[in-house]
Amino acid sequence: MTIEKKIWPEYFEKVLSGEKKFELRLADWQCQTGDILVLREWEPKTKNYTGRQIEKEVGYVLKTKDVNLFSEEDVEKYGYQIIGFK
């Protein structure tokens, strides 16, 4: 499946350069390994697309709602960090 999503310029540049190898998104839509994620650069100041886009194949999806690795207190105190590998 091909899925289109907005991405802000600062994150688009990092994906384009290869520095950013992950996406953190609200899981309010379905995505699975093998899907194509089309990231369309969106300028929040003008509320318009810039015309640039990049396609990435989804290699792995982790949904965290049902993952209870940490206490609620620790999550509230520290939050989460997503770590990508090069």
Protein backbone atom coordinates (compact mmCIF):
# COMPACT_ATOMS: atom_id res chain seq x y z
CA MET A 1 0.00 0.00 0.00
CA THR A 2 1.14 3.58 -0.63
CA ILE A 3 0.48 6.06 2.17
CA GLU A 4 0.99 9.83 1.93
CA LYS A 5 1.84 11.92 4.99
CA LYS A 6 2.95 15.50 5.65
CA ILE A 7 6.41 16.17 7.02
CA TRP A 8 7.85 19.49 8.19
CA PRO A 9 10.91 20.87 6.33
CA GLU A 10 13.42 20.31 9.14
CA TYR A 11 12.53 16.60 9.32
CA PHE A 12 12.22 16.23 5.54
CA GLU A 13 15.83 17.40 5.15
CA LYS A 14 17.04 14.87 7.73
CA VAL A 15 15.22 12.00 5.96
CA LEU A 16 16.49 13.20 2.58
CA SER A 17 20.10 13.30 3.80
CA GLY A 18 19.80 9.83 5.33
CA GLU A 19 20.45 11.08 8.87
CA LYS A 20 16.89 10.33 10.05
CA LYS A 21 15.95 6.68 9.51
CA PHE A 22 12.69 6.50 11.43
CA GLU A 23 9.31 8.21 11.73
CA LEU A 24 7.34 8.77 14.90
CA ARG A 25 3.62 9.07 14.17
CA LEU A 26 0.33 8.83 15.99
CA ALA A 27 -1.01 5.35 15.25
CA ASP A 28 -4.37 6.61 13.97
CA TRP A 29 -3.84 4.89 10.61
CA GLN A 30 -2.66 1.47 9.45
CA CYS A 31 0.88 0.83 8.28
CA GLN A 32 2.81 -2.40 7.82
CA THR A 33 6.14 -3.73 6.62
CA GLY A 34 6.47 -3.36 2.85
CA ASP A 35 4.18 -0.33 2.54
CA ILE A 36 5.52 2.75 0.79
CA LEU A 37 5.43 5.92 2.87
CA VAL A 38 5.35 9.05 0.70
CA LEU A 39 6.53 11.97 2.84
CA ARG A 40 5.37 15.27 1.33
CA GLU A 41 7.16 18.34 2.64
CA TRP A 42 4.69 20.67 4.35
CA GLU A 43 5.45 24.24 5.38
CA PRO A 44 3.50 24.90 8.59
CA LYS A 45 3.93 28.70 8.36
CA THR A 46 2.19 28.95 4.99
CA LYS A 47 0.12 25.79 5.42
CA ASN A 48 1.11 24.60 1.96
CA TYR A 49 3.06 21.74 0.41
CA THR A 50 6.47 22.76 -0.97
CA GLY A 51 6.30 20.33 -3.90
CA ARG A 52 9.10 18.11 -2.60
CA GLN A 53 8.46 14.53 -1.56
CA ILE A 54 10.40 11.39 -0.78
CA GLU A 55 9.32 7.74 -0.81
CA LYS A 56 10.49 5.26 1.81
CA GLU A 57 9.68 1.58 2.14
CA VAL A 58 8.49 0.60 5.61
CA GLY A 59 10.89 -1.92 7.13
CA TYR A 60 9.43 -2.27 10.61
CA VAL A 61 6.47 -0.96 12.61
CA LEU A 62 6.30 -0.95 16.41
CA LYS A 63 3.07 0.15 18.05
CA THR A 64 3.66 1.08 21.67
CA LYS A 65 0.20 1.33 23.16
CA ASP A 66 0.27 -2.28 24.31
CA VAL A 67 3.97 -2.36 25.23
CA ASN A 68 4.28 -2.03 29.00
CA LEU A 69 8.02 -1.78 29.42
CA PHE A 70 8.09 1.17 31.81
CA SER A 71 6.05 2.39 34.75
CA GLU A 72 3.55 5.20 34.16
CA GLU A 73 5.52 7.32 36.64
CA ASP A 74 8.77 6.93 34.67
CA VAL A 75 7.02 7.68 31.37
CA GLU A 76 5.46 10.82 32.88
CA LYS A 77 8.81 11.90 34.33
CA TYR A 78 11.12 11.09 31.39
CA GLY A 79 8.95 10.54 28.31
CA TYR A 80 10.16 8.35 25.44
CA GLN A 81 13.02 8.65 23.03
CA ILE A 82 13.14 6.92 19.67
CA ILE A 83 16.59 5.69 18.69
CA GLY A 84 17.47 5.05 15.04
CA PHE A 85 20.41 3.01 13.81
CA LYS A 86 22.80 3.81 10.97
